[in-house]
Amino acid sequence: MLNMSVGVVCLVVMLSLGGCQSTTGNGKTSAETIADSTITATVQSKLTADRVSNFSRVDVDTESGVVSLSGVVQSAEQRTHAEALARQVRGVTKVQNNLQIQQQGTRPGDAS
């Protein structure tokens, strides 16, 4: 009888703790923050590893599985390719492609 009581108490405690999730300052659980950080790092790695395109000026941010790409690329093809690489990463639910195409002969911030 005592063993059964101890088992029930342990079960109740485990179920109670399972419902508790710590949240970070931005309202996301620790697991969500880690998942988003992992997605961001993986997308950034894929972009960096792509030897054909120069994605050194692409920033990646992830919020609840939604990846935002921002920065500058040199062509529409690179813009599309960066988005396709991001979509390949596990956990990505959507890609917001905010990449700008650099005009020939100009640099970002130049007023022409």
PDB file of N, CA and C in Angstrom:
ATOM      1  N   MET A   1       0.813  -1.185   0.000  1.00  0.00           N
ATOM      2  CA  MET A   1       0.000   0.000   0.000  1.00  0.00           C
ATOM      3  C   MET A   1       0.862   1.256   0.000  1.00  0.00           C
ATOM      4  N   LEU A   2       1.931   1.238   0.790  1.00  0.00           N
ATOM      5  CA  LEU A   2       2.822   2.384   0.864  1.00  0.00           C
ATOM      6  C   LEU A   2       3.501   2.631  -0.479  1.00  0.00           C
ATOM      7  N   ASN A   3       3.939   1.547  -1.153  1.00  0.00           N
ATOM      8  CA  ASN A   3       4.574   1.676  -2.457  1.00  0.00           C
ATOM      9  C   ASN A   3       3.633   2.318  -3.472  1.00  0.00           C
ATOM     10  N   MET A   4       2.360   1.958  -3.394  1.00  0.00           N
ATOM     11  CA  MET A   4       1.381   2.523  -4.320  1.00  0.00           C
ATOM     12  C   MET A   4       1.181   4.005  -4.035  1.00  0.00           C
ATOM     13  N   SER A   5       1.149   4.402  -2.785  1.00  0.00           N
ATOM     14  CA  SER A   5       0.991   5.818  -2.409  1.00  0.00           C
ATOM     15  C   SER A   5       2.182   6.640  -2.881  1.00  0.00           C
ATOM     16  N   VAL A   6       3.372   6.106  -2.700  1.00  0.00           N
ATOM     17  CA  VAL A   6       4.585   6.807  -3.143  1.00  0.00           C
ATOM     18  C   VAL A   6       4.561   6.958  -4.664  1.00  0.00           C
ATOM     19  N   GLY A   7       4.135   5.916  -5.355  1.00  0.00           N
ATOM     20  CA  GLY A   7       4.053   5.971  -6.819  1.00  0.00           C
ATOM     21  C   GLY A   7       3.067   7.019  -7.300  1.00  0.00           C
ATOM     22  N   VAL A   8       1.926   7.108  -6.631  1.00  0.00           N
ATOM     23  CA  VAL A   8       0.912   8.100  -7.004  1.00  0.00           C
ATOM     24  C   VAL A   8       1.448   9.513  -6.759  1.00  0.00           C
ATOM     25  N   VAL A   9       2.099   9.720  -5.628  1.00  0.00           N
ATOM     26  CA  VAL A   9       2.662  11.039  -5.310  1.00  0.00           C
ATOM     27  C   VAL A   9       3.717  11.417  -6.357  1.00  0.00           C
ATOM     28  N   CYS A  10       4.578  10.492  -6.716  1.00  0.00           N
ATOM     29  CA  CYS A  10       5.605  10.759  -7.736  1.00  0.00           C
ATOM     30  C   CYS A  10       4.966  11.105  -9.069  1.00  0.00           C
ATOM     31  N   LEU A  11       3.940  10.384  -9.432  1.00  0.00           N
ATOM     32  CA  LEU A  11       3.247  10.641 -10.688  1.00  0.00           C
ATOM     33  C   LEU A  11       2.632  12.037 -10.697  1.00  0.00           C
ATOM     34  N   VAL A  12       1.987  12.421  -9.605  1.00  0.00           N
ATOM     35  CA  VAL A  12       1.371  13.746  -9.499  1.00  0.00           C
ATOM     36  C   VAL A  12       2.435  14.839  -9.601  1.00  0.00           C
ATOM     37  N   VAL A  13       3.559  14.659  -8.931  1.00  0.00           N
ATOM     38  CA  VAL A  13       4.639  15.649  -8.967  1.00  0.00           C
ATOM     39  C   VAL A  13       5.191  15.770 -10.379  1.00  0.00           C
ATOM     40  N   MET A  14       5.416  14.653 -11.054  1.00  0.00           N
ATOM     41  CA  MET A  14       5.964  14.693 -12.409  1.00  0.00           C
ATOM     42  C   MET A  14       5.003  15.375 -13.367  1.00  0.00           C
ATOM     43  N   LEU A  15       3.714  15.081 -13.260  1.00  0.00           N
ATOM     44  CA  LEU A  15       2.736  15.722 -14.125  1.00  0.00           C
ATOM     45  C   LEU A  15       2.652  17.217 -13.848  1.00  0.00           C
ATOM     46  N   SER A  16       2.749  17.598 -12.603  1.00  0.00           N
ATOM     47  CA  SER A  16       2.713  19.015 -12.240  1.00  0.00           C
ATOM     48  C   SER A  16       3.912  19.754 -12.804  1.00  0.00           C
ATOM     49  N   LEU A  17       5.083  19.162 -12.688  1.00  0.00           N
ATOM     50  CA  LEU A  17       6.293  19.788 -13.213  1.00  0.00           C
ATOM     51  C   LEU A  17       6.285  19.837 -14.730  1.00  0.00           C
ATOM     52  N   GLY A  18       5.678  18.875 -15.363  1.00  0.00           N
ATOM     53  CA  GLY A  18       5.614  18.856 -16.822  1.00  0.00           C
ATOM     54  C   GLY A  18       4.854  20.036 -17.378  1.00  0.00           C
ATOM     55  N   GLY A  19       3.911  20.568 -16.616  1.00  0.00           N
ATOM     56  CA  GLY A  19       3.143  21.713 -17.070  1.00  0.00           C
ATOM     57  C   GLY A  19       3.860  23.024 -16.847  1.00  0.00           C
ATOM     58  N   CYS A  20       4.925  23.026 -16.092  1.00  0.00           N
ATOM     59  CA  CYS A  20       5.668  24.245 -15.812  1.00  0.00           C
ATOM     60  C   CYS A  20       6.745  24.426 -16.872  1.00  0.00           C
ATOM     61  N   GLN A  21       6.742  25.589 -17.481  1.00  0.00           N
ATOM     62  CA  GLN A  21       7.789  25.909 -18.431  1.00  0.00           C
ATOM     63  C   GLN A  21       8.304  27.295 -18.089  1.00  0.00           C
ATOM     64  N   SER A  22       9.600  27.402 -17.992  1.00  0.00           N
ATOM     65  CA  SER A  22      10.146  28.719 -17.710  1.00  0.00           C
ATOM     66  C   SER A  22      10.078  29.562 -18.972  1.00  0.00           C
ATOM     67  N   THR A  23       9.810  30.832 -18.783  1.00  0.00           N
ATOM     68  CA  THR A  23       9.755  31.727 -19.930  1.00  0.00           C
ATOM     69  C   THR A  23      10.875  32.739 -19.815  1.00  0.00           C
ATOM     70  N   THR A  24      11.282  33.234 -20.961  1.00  0.00           N
ATOM     71  CA  THR A  24      12.311  34.256 -21.000  1.00  0.00           C
ATOM     72  C   THR A  24      11.631  35.610 -20.979  1.00  0.00           C
ATOM     73  N   GLY A  25      12.392  36.661 -20.965  1.00  0.00           N
ATOM     74  CA  GLY A  25      11.850  38.008 -20.915  1.00  0.00           C
ATOM     75  C   GLY A  25      10.948  38.364 -22.088  1.00  0.00           C
ATOM     76  N   ASN A  26      11.087  37.650 -23.204  1.00  0.00           N
ATOM     77  CA  ASN A  26      10.273  37.959 -24.381  1.00  0.00           C
ATOM     78  C   ASN A  26       9.024  37.086 -24.468  1.00  0.00           C
ATOM     79  N   GLY A  27       8.721  36.354 -23.399  1.00  0.00           N
ATOM     80  CA  GLY A  27       7.506  35.550 -23.364  1.00  0.00           C
ATOM     81  C   GLY A  27       7.638  34.183 -24.012  1.00  0.00           C
ATOM     82  N   LYS A  28       8.794  33.860 -24.549  1.00  0.00           N
ATOM     83  CA  LYS A  28       9.014  32.551 -25.155  1.00  0.00           C
ATOM     84  C   LYS A  28       9.577  31.605 -24.104  1.00  0.00           C
ATOM     85  N   THR A  29       9.262  30.320 -24.247  1.00  0.00           N
ATOM     86  CA  THR A  29       9.851  29.348 -23.336  1.00  0.00           C
ATOM     87  C   THR A  29      11.326  29.191 -23.676  1.00  0.00           C
ATOM     88  N   SER A  30      12.057  28.628 -22.761  1.00  0.00           N
ATOM     89  CA  SER A  30      13.481  28.378 -23.000  1.00  0.00           C
ATOM     90  C   SER A  30      13.671  27.465 -24.205  1.00  0.00           C
ATOM     91  N   ALA A  31      12.796  26.477 -24.332  1.00  0.00           N
ATOM     92  CA  ALA A  31      12.896  25.543 -25.464  1.00  0.00           C
ATOM     93  C   ALA A  31      12.660  26.271 -26.783  1.00  0.00           C
ATOM     94  N   GLU A  32      11.708  27.200 -26.825  1.00  0.00           N
ATOM     95  CA  GLU A  32      11.447  27.965 -28.056  1.00  0.00           C
ATOM     96  C   GLU A  32      12.644  28.847 -28.404  1.00  0.00           C
ATOM     97  N   THR A  33      13.233  29.452 -27.386  1.00  0.00           N
ATOM     98  CA  THR A  33      14.397  30.303 -27.614  1.00  0.00           C
ATOM     99  C   THR A  33      15.553  29.492 -28.167  1.00  0.00           C
ATOM    100  N   ILE A  34      15.778  28.319 -27.608  1.00  0.00           N
ATOM    101  CA  ILE A  34      16.852  27.447 -28.080  1.00  0.00           C
ATOM    102  C   ILE A  34      16.568  26.984 -29.505  1.00  0.00           C
ATOM    103  N   ALA A  35      15.322  26.608 -29.788  1.00  0.00           N
ATOM    104  CA  ALA A  35      14.966  26.152 -31.136  1.00  0.00           C
ATOM    105  C   ALA A  35      15.187  27.266 -32.150  1.00  0.00           C
ATOM    106  N   ASP A  36      14.747  28.484 -31.838  1.00  0.00           N
ATOM    107  CA  ASP A  36      14.940  29.599 -32.758  1.00  0.00           C
ATOM    108  C   ASP A  36      16.420  29.899 -32.962  1.00  0.00           C
ATOM    109  N   SER A  37      17.197  29.831 -31.897  1.00  0.00           N
ATOM    110  CA  SER A  37      18.641  30.065 -32.003  1.00  0.00           C
ATOM    111  C   SER A  37      19.302  29.009 -32.874  1.00  0.00           C
ATOM    112  N   THR A  38      18.863  27.769 -32.718  1.00  0.00           N
ATOM    113  CA  THR A  38      19.409  26.680 -33.533  1.00  0.00           C
ATOM    114  C   THR A  38      19.058  26.879 -35.000  1.00  0.00           C
ATOM    115  N   ILE A  39      17.822  27.267 -35.274  1.00  0.00           N
ATOM    116  CA  ILE A  39      17.398  27.520 -36.664  1.00  0.00           C
ATOM    117  C   ILE A  39      18.237  28.647 -37.258  1.00  0.00           C
ATOM    118  N   THR A  40      18.382  29.736 -36.518  1.00  0.00           N
ATOM    119  CA  THR A  40      19.162  30.875 -37.012  1.00  0.00           C
ATOM    120  C   THR A  40      20.588  30.451 -37.341  1.00  0.00           C
ATOM    121  N   ALA A  41      21.224  29.719 -36.435  1.00  0.00           N
ATOM    122  CA  ALA A  41      22.607  29.281 -36.649  1.00  0.00           C
ATOM    123  C   ALA A  41      22.715  28.339 -37.839  1.00  0.00           C
ATOM    124  N   THR A  42      21.735  27.454 -37.998  1.00  0.00           N
ATOM    125  CA  THR A  42      21.774  26.496 -39.101  1.00  0.00           C
ATOM    126  C   THR A  42      21.581  27.202 -40.442  1.00  0.00           C
ATOM    127  N   VAL A  43      20.638  28.133 -40.498  1.00  0.00           N
ATOM    128  CA  VAL A  43      20.426  28.891 -41.747  1.00  0.00           C
ATOM    129  C   VAL A  43      21.683  29.688 -42.080  1.00  0.00           C
ATOM    130  N   GLN A  44      22.250  30.366 -41.083  1.00  0.00           N
ATOM    131  CA  GLN A  44      23.460  31.156 -41.314  1.00  0.00           C
ATOM    132  C   GLN A  44      24.598  30.268 -41.809  1.00  0.00           C
ATOM    133  N   SER A  45      24.723  29.073 -41.257  1.00  0.00           N
ATOM    134  CA  SER A  45      25.764  28.132 -41.700  1.00  0.00           C
ATOM    135  C   SER A  45      25.562  27.716 -43.146  1.00  0.00           C
ATOM    136  N   LYS A  46      24.311  27.435 -43.514  1.00  0.00           N
ATOM    137  CA  LYS A  46      24.011  27.051 -44.900  1.00  0.00           C
ATOM    138  C   LYS A  46      24.366  28.187 -45.862  1.00  0.00           C
ATOM    139  N   LEU A  47      24.045  29.413 -45.480  1.00  0.00           N
ATOM    140  CA  LEU A  47      24.346  30.556 -46.344  1.00  0.00           C
ATOM    141  C   LEU A  47      25.859  30.757 -46.467  1.00  0.00           C
ATOM    142  N   THR A  48      26.559  30.626 -45.358  1.00  0.00           N
ATOM    143  CA  THR A  48      28.010  30.803 -45.357  1.00  0.00           C
ATOM    144  C   THR A  48      28.704  29.703 -46.148  1.00  0.00           C
ATOM    145  N   ALA A  49      28.185  28.488 -46.064  1.00  0.00           N
ATOM    146  CA  ALA A  49      28.805  27.352 -46.748  1.00  0.00           C
ATOM    147  C   ALA A  49      28.586  27.376 -48.259  1.00  0.00           C
ATOM    148  N   ASP A  50      27.632  28.167 -48.724  1.00  0.00           N
ATOM    149  CA  ASP A  50      27.347  28.231 -50.160  1.00  0.00           C
ATOM    150  C   ASP A  50      28.471  28.992 -50.856  1.00  0.00           C
ATOM    151  N   ARG A  51      29.297  28.271 -51.578  1.00  0.00           N
ATOM    152  CA  ARG A  51      30.482  28.856 -52.223  1.00  0.00           C
ATOM    153  C   ARG A  51      30.131  29.621 -53.504  1.00  0.00           C
ATOM    154  N   VAL A  52      29.013  29.306 -54.117  1.00  0.00           N
ATOM    155  CA  VAL A  52      28.631  29.943 -55.377  1.00  0.00           C
ATOM    156  C   VAL A  52      28.217  31.396 -55.148  1.00  0.00           C
ATOM    157  N   SER A  53      27.463  31.636 -54.103  1.00  0.00           N
ATOM    158  CA  SER A  53      26.954  32.974 -53.815  1.00  0.00           C
ATOM    159  C   SER A  53      27.714  33.592 -52.654  1.00  0.00           C
ATOM    160  N   ASN A  54      27.725  34.908 -52.627  1.00  0.00           N
ATOM    161  CA  ASN A  54      28.360  35.613 -51.520  1.00  0.00           C
ATOM    162  C   ASN A  54      27.261  36.132 -50.608  1.00  0.00           C
ATOM    163  N   PHE A  55      26.959  35.378 -49.554  1.00  0.00           N
ATOM    164  CA  PHE A  55      25.906  35.756 -48.630  1.00  0.00           C
ATOM    165  C   PHE A  55      26.468  36.373 -47.353  1.00  0.00           C
ATOM    166  N   SER A  56      27.627  37.005 -47.447  1.00  0.00           N
ATOM    167  CA  SER A  56      28.265  37.569 -46.255  1.00  0.00           C
ATOM    168  C   SER A  56      27.505  38.773 -45.714  1.00  0.00           C
ATOM    169  N   ARG A  57      26.631  39.373 -46.509  1.00  0.00           N
ATOM    170  CA  ARG A  57      25.887  40.553 -46.062  1.00  0.00           C
ATOM    171  C   ARG A  57      24.416  40.237 -45.795  1.00  0.00           C
ATOM    172  N   VAL A  58      24.153  38.970 -45.448  1.00  0.00           N
ATOM    173  CA  VAL A  58      22.788  38.545 -45.140  1.00  0.00           C
ATOM    174  C   VAL A  58      22.670  38.284 -43.643  1.00  0.00           C
ATOM    175  N   ASP A  59      21.686  38.926 -43.021  1.00  0.00           N
ATOM    176  CA  ASP A  59      21.399  38.703 -41.609  1.00  0.00           C
ATOM    177  C   ASP A  59      20.207  37.767 -41.482  1.00  0.00           C
ATOM    178  N   VAL A  60      20.250  36.902 -40.481  1.00  0.00           N
ATOM    179  CA  VAL A  60      19.190  35.921 -40.241  1.00  0.00           C
ATOM    180  C   VAL A  60      18.644  36.123 -38.832  1.00  0.00           C
ATOM    181  N   ASP A  61      17.326  36.132 -38.720  1.00  0.00           N
ATOM    182  CA  ASP A  61      16.674  36.208 -37.419  1.00  0.00           C
ATOM    183  C   ASP A  61      15.501  35.231 -37.442  1.00  0.00           C
ATOM    184  N   THR A  62      15.226  34.590 -36.317  1.00  0.00           N
ATOM    185  CA  THR A  62      14.139  33.619 -36.245  1.00  0.00           C
ATOM    186  C   THR A  62      13.257  33.914 -35.054  1.00  0.00           C
ATOM    187  N   GLU A  63      11.958  33.874 -35.277  1.00  0.00           N
ATOM    188  CA  GLU A  63      10.963  34.084 -34.231  1.00  0.00           C
ATOM    189  C   GLU A  63       9.867  33.048 -34.405  1.00  0.00           C
ATOM    190  N   SER A  64       9.780  32.109 -33.486  1.00  0.00           N
ATOM    191  CA  SER A  64       8.772  31.029 -33.525  1.00  0.00           C
ATOM    192  C   SER A  64       8.796  30.262 -34.845  1.00  0.00           C
ATOM    193  N   GLY A  65       9.993  29.983 -35.330  1.00  0.00           N
ATOM    194  CA  GLY A  65      10.144  29.207 -36.559  1.00  0.00           C
ATOM    195  C   GLY A  65      10.070  30.012 -37.837  1.00  0.00           C
ATOM    196  N   VAL A  66       9.748  31.295 -37.745  1.00  0.00           N
ATOM    197  CA  VAL A  66       9.680  32.160 -38.922  1.00  0.00           C
ATOM    198  C   VAL A  66      11.036  32.836 -39.094  1.00  0.00           C
ATOM    199  N   VAL A  67      11.690  32.561 -40.217  1.00  0.00           N
ATOM    200  CA  VAL A  67      13.019  33.091 -40.494  1.00  0.00           C
ATOM    201  C   VAL A  67      12.884  34.379 -41.297  1.00  0.00           C
ATOM    202  N   SER A  68      13.569  35.414 -40.845  1.00  0.00           N
ATOM    203  CA  SER A  68      13.618  36.680 -41.579  1.00  0.00           C
ATOM    204  C   SER A  68      15.019  36.861 -42.129  1.00  0.00           C
ATOM    205  N   LEU A  69      15.097  37.052 -43.436  1.00  0.00           N
ATOM    206  CA  LEU A  69      16.366  37.320 -44.101  1.00  0.00           C
ATOM    207  C   LEU A  69      16.404  38.804 -44.442  1.00  0.00           C
ATOM    208  N   SER A  70      17.486  39.471 -44.084  1.00  0.00           N
ATOM    209  CA  SER A  70      17.637  40.881 -44.437  1.00  0.00           C
ATOM    210  C   SER A  70      19.084  41.129 -44.837  1.00  0.00           C
ATOM    211  N   GLY A  71      19.282  42.184 -45.586  1.00  0.00           N
ATOM    212  CA  GLY A  71      20.621  42.507 -46.055  1.00  0.00           C
ATOM    213  C   GLY A  71      20.607  42.727 -47.553  1.00  0.00           C
ATOM    214  N   VAL A  72      21.773  42.557 -48.149  1.00  0.00           N
ATOM    215  CA  VAL A  72      21.944  42.876 -49.560  1.00  0.00           C
ATOM    216  C   VAL A  72      22.558  41.695 -50.299  1.00  0.00           C
ATOM    217  N   VAL A  73      22.008  41.397 -51.461  1.00  0.00           N
ATOM    218  CA  VAL A  73      22.570  40.399 -52.380  1.00  0.00           C
ATOM    219  C   VAL A  73      22.775  41.080 -53.729  1.00  0.00           C
ATOM    220  N   GLN A  74      23.451  40.397 -54.646  1.00  0.00           N
ATOM    221  CA  GLN A  74      23.806  41.023 -55.915  1.00  0.00           C
ATOM    222  C   GLN A  74      22.837  40.747 -57.057  1.00  0.00           C
ATOM    223  N   SER A  75      21.914  39.786 -56.868  1.00  0.00           N
ATOM    224  CA  SER A  75      20.994  39.483 -57.964  1.00  0.00           C
ATOM    225  C   SER A  75      19.701  38.875 -57.432  1.00  0.00           C
ATOM    226  N   ALA A  76      18.695  38.862 -58.293  1.00  0.00           N
ATOM    227  CA  ALA A  76      17.419  38.235 -57.939  1.00  0.00           C
ATOM    228  C   ALA A  76      17.604  36.740 -57.731  1.00  0.00           C
ATOM    229  N   GLU A  77      18.521  36.145 -58.485  1.00  0.00           N
ATOM    230  CA  GLU A  77      18.783  34.717 -58.333  1.00  0.00           C
ATOM    231  C   GLU A  77      19.363  34.411 -56.956  1.00  0.00           C
ATOM    232  N   GLN A  78      20.262  35.254 -56.473  1.00  0.00           N
ATOM    233  CA  GLN A  78      20.830  35.056 -55.140  1.00  0.00           C
ATOM    234  C   GLN A  78      19.750  35.230 -54.074  1.00  0.00           C
ATOM    235  N   ARG A  79      18.867  36.181 -54.272  1.00  0.00           N
ATOM    236  CA  ARG A  79      17.767  36.415 -53.326  1.00  0.00           C
ATOM    237  C   ARG A  79      16.906  35.160 -53.204  1.00  0.00           C
ATOM    238  N   THR A  80      16.551  34.580 -54.353  1.00  0.00           N
ATOM    239  CA  THR A  80      15.734  33.367 -54.384  1.00  0.00           C
ATOM    240  C   THR A  80      16.489  32.179 -53.798  1.00  0.00           C
ATOM    241  N   HIS A  81      17.775  32.093 -54.113  1.00  0.00           N
ATOM    242  CA  HIS A  81      18.594  30.970 -53.630  1.00  0.00           C
ATOM    243  C   HIS A  81      18.742  31.015 -52.101  1.00  0.00           C
ATOM    244  N   ALA A  82      18.937  32.201 -51.544  1.00  0.00           N
ATOM    245  CA  ALA A  82      19.060  32.336 -50.091  1.00  0.00           C
ATOM    246  C   ALA A  82      17.774  31.878 -49.406  1.00  0.00           C
ATOM    247  N   GLU A  83      16.643  32.251 -49.968  1.00  0.00           N
ATOM    248  CA  GLU A  83      15.359  31.823 -49.400  1.00  0.00           C
ATOM    249  C   GLU A  83      15.205  30.308 -49.475  1.00  0.00           C
ATOM    250  N   ALA A  84      15.594  29.729 -50.608  1.00  0.00           N
ATOM    251  CA  ALA A  84      15.487  28.271 -50.769  1.00  0.00           C
ATOM    252  C   ALA A  84      16.367  27.544 -49.746  1.00  0.00           C
ATOM    253  N   LEU A  85      17.566  28.060 -49.500  1.00  0.00           N
ATOM    254  CA  LEU A  85      18.449  27.441 -48.503  1.00  0.00           C
ATOM    255  C   LEU A  85      17.828  27.512 -47.112  1.00  0.00           C
ATOM    256  N   ALA A  86      17.223  28.641 -46.789  1.00  0.00           N
ATOM    257  CA  ALA A  86      16.592  28.792 -45.467  1.00  0.00           C
ATOM    258  C   ALA A  86      15.432  27.816 -45.310  1.00  0.00           C
ATOM    259  N   ARG A  87      14.652  27.610 -46.356  1.00  0.00           N
ATOM    260  CA  ARG A  87      13.497  26.709 -46.293  1.00  0.00           C
ATOM    261  C   ARG A  87      13.908  25.249 -46.057  1.00  0.00           C
ATOM    262  N   GLN A  88      15.146  24.906 -46.376  1.00  0.00           N
ATOM    263  CA  GLN A  88      15.625  23.533 -46.211  1.00  0.00           C
ATOM    264  C   GLN A  88      15.883  23.166 -44.751  1.00  0.00           C
ATOM    265  N   VAL A  89      15.967  24.149 -43.896  1.00  0.00           N
ATOM    266  CA  VAL A  89      16.343  23.906 -42.498  1.00  0.00           C
ATOM    267  C   VAL A  89      15.140  23.383 -41.708  1.00  0.00           C
ATOM    268  N   ARG A  90      15.382  22.331 -40.971  1.00  0.00           N
ATOM    269  CA  ARG A  90      14.333  21.721 -40.150  1.00  0.00           C
ATOM    270  C   ARG A  90      13.848  22.714 -39.096  1.00  0.00           C
ATOM    271  N   GLY A  91      12.536  22.818 -38.957  1.00  0.00           N
ATOM    272  CA  GLY A  91      11.942  23.707 -37.970  1.00  0.00           C
ATOM    273  C   GLY A  91      11.481  25.035 -38.546  1.00  0.00           C
ATOM    274  N   VAL A  92      11.907  25.354 -39.776  1.00  0.00           N
ATOM    275  CA  VAL A  92      11.480  26.600 -40.413  1.00  0.00           C
ATOM    276  C   VAL A  92      10.039  26.433 -40.875  1.00  0.00           C
ATOM    277  N   THR A  93       9.177  27.342 -40.423  1.00  0.00           N
ATOM    278  CA  THR A  93       7.766  27.281 -40.818  1.00  0.00           C
ATOM    279  C   THR A  93       7.445  28.262 -41.930  1.00  0.00           C
ATOM    280  N   LYS A  94       8.242  29.326 -42.027  1.00  0.00           N
ATOM    281  CA  LYS A  94       8.011  30.357 -43.028  1.00  0.00           C
ATOM    282  C   LYS A  94       9.295  31.165 -43.195  1.00  0.00           C
ATOM    283  N   VAL A  95       9.499  31.728 -44.390  1.00  0.00           N
ATOM    284  CA  VAL A  95      10.649  32.601 -44.623  1.00  0.00           C
ATOM    285  C   VAL A  95      10.149  33.960 -45.093  1.00  0.00           C
ATOM    286  N   GLN A  96      10.547  34.992 -44.384  1.00  0.00           N
ATOM    287  CA  GLN A  96      10.269  36.360 -44.810  1.00  0.00           C
ATOM    288  C   GLN A  96      11.533  36.878 -45.477  1.00  0.00           C
ATOM    289  N   ASN A  97      11.466  37.026 -46.784  1.00  0.00           N
ATOM    290  CA  ASN A  97      12.641  37.414 -47.551  1.00  0.00           C
ATOM    291  C   ASN A  97      12.634  38.925 -47.755  1.00  0.00           C
ATOM    292  N   ASN A  98      13.425  39.618 -46.942  1.00  0.00           N
ATOM    293  CA  ASN A  98      13.546  41.070 -47.017  1.00  0.00           C
ATOM    294  C   ASN A  98      14.870  41.491 -47.652  1.00  0.00           C
ATOM    295  N   LEU A  99      15.482  40.578 -48.402  1.00  0.00           N
ATOM    296  CA  LEU A  99      16.767  40.877 -49.020  1.00  0.00           C
ATOM    297  C   LEU A  99      16.598  41.909 -50.132  1.00  0.00           C
ATOM    298  N   GLN A 100      17.531  42.837 -50.175  1.00  0.00           N
ATOM    299  CA  GLN A 100      17.542  43.876 -51.203  1.00  0.00           C
ATOM    300  C   GLN A 100      18.586  43.512 -52.251  1.00  0.00           C
ATOM    301  N   ILE A 101      18.296  43.848 -53.493  1.00  0.00           N
ATOM    302  CA  ILE A 101      19.241  43.592 -54.577  1.00  0.00           C
ATOM    303  C   ILE A 101      20.060  44.850 -54.796  1.00  0.00           C
ATOM    304  N   GLN A 102      21.377  44.693 -54.698  1.00  0.00           N
ATOM    305  CA  GLN A 102      22.281  45.829 -54.863  1.00  0.00           C
ATOM    306  C   GLN A 102      22.311  46.245 -56.320  1.00  0.00           C
ATOM    307  N   GLN A 103      22.153  47.530 -56.560  1.00  0.00           N
ATOM    308  CA  GLN A 103      22.246  48.059 -57.918  1.00  0.00           C
ATOM    309  C   GLN A 103      23.706  48.039 -58.355  1.00  0.00           C
ATOM    310  N   GLN A 104      23.955  47.779 -59.612  1.00  0.00           N
ATOM    311  CA  GLN A 104      25.320  47.735 -60.133  1.00  0.00           C
ATOM    312  C   GLN A 104      26.006  49.073 -59.907  1.00  0.00           C
ATOM    313  N   GLY A 105      27.212  49.045 -59.373  1.00  0.00           N
ATOM    314  CA  GLY A 105      28.006  50.232 -59.181  1.00  0.00           C
ATOM    315  C   GLY A 105      27.669  51.049 -57.953  1.00  0.00           C
ATOM    316  N   THR A 106      26.754  50.565 -57.111  1.00  0.00           N
ATOM    317  CA  THR A 106      26.418  51.292 -55.892  1.00  0.00           C
ATOM    318  C   THR A 106      26.628  50.414 -54.689  1.00  0.00           C
ATOM    319  N   ARG A 107      26.760  51.043 -53.561  1.00  0.00           N
ATOM    320  CA  ARG A 107      26.855  50.320 -52.303  1.00  0.00           C
ATOM    321  C   ARG A 107      25.704  50.758 -51.434  1.00  0.00           C
ATOM    322  N   PRO A 108      25.249  49.906 -50.526  1.00  0.00           N
ATOM    323  CA  PRO A 108      24.170  50.313 -49.621  1.00  0.00           C
ATOM    324  C   PRO A 108      24.550  51.588 -48.884  1.00  0.00           C
ATOM    325  N   GLY A 109      23.624  52.509 -48.784  1.00  0.00           N
ATOM    326  CA  GLY A 109      23.894  53.762 -48.100  1.00  0.00           C
ATOM    327  C   GLY A 109      24.328  54.878 -49.024  1.00  0.00           C
ATOM    328  N   ASP A 110      24.726  54.527 -50.254  1.00  0.00           N
ATOM    329  CA  ASP A 110      25.077  55.572 -51.234  1.00  0.00           C
ATOM    330  C   ASP A 110      23.826  56.282 -51.682  1.00  0.00           C
ATOM    331  N   ALA A 111      23.870  57.583 -51.751  1.00  0.00           N
ATOM    332  CA  ALA A 111      22.735  58.354 -52.267  1.00  0.00           C
ATOM    333  C   ALA A 111      23.029  58.698 -53.712  1.00  0.00           C
ATOM    334  N   SER A 112      22.266  58.109 -54.614  1.00  0.00           N
ATOM    335  CA  SER A 112      22.498  58.417 -56.026  1.00  0.00           C
ATOM    336  C   SER A 112      21.203  58.630 -56.740  1.00  0.00           C
TER     337      SER A 112
END
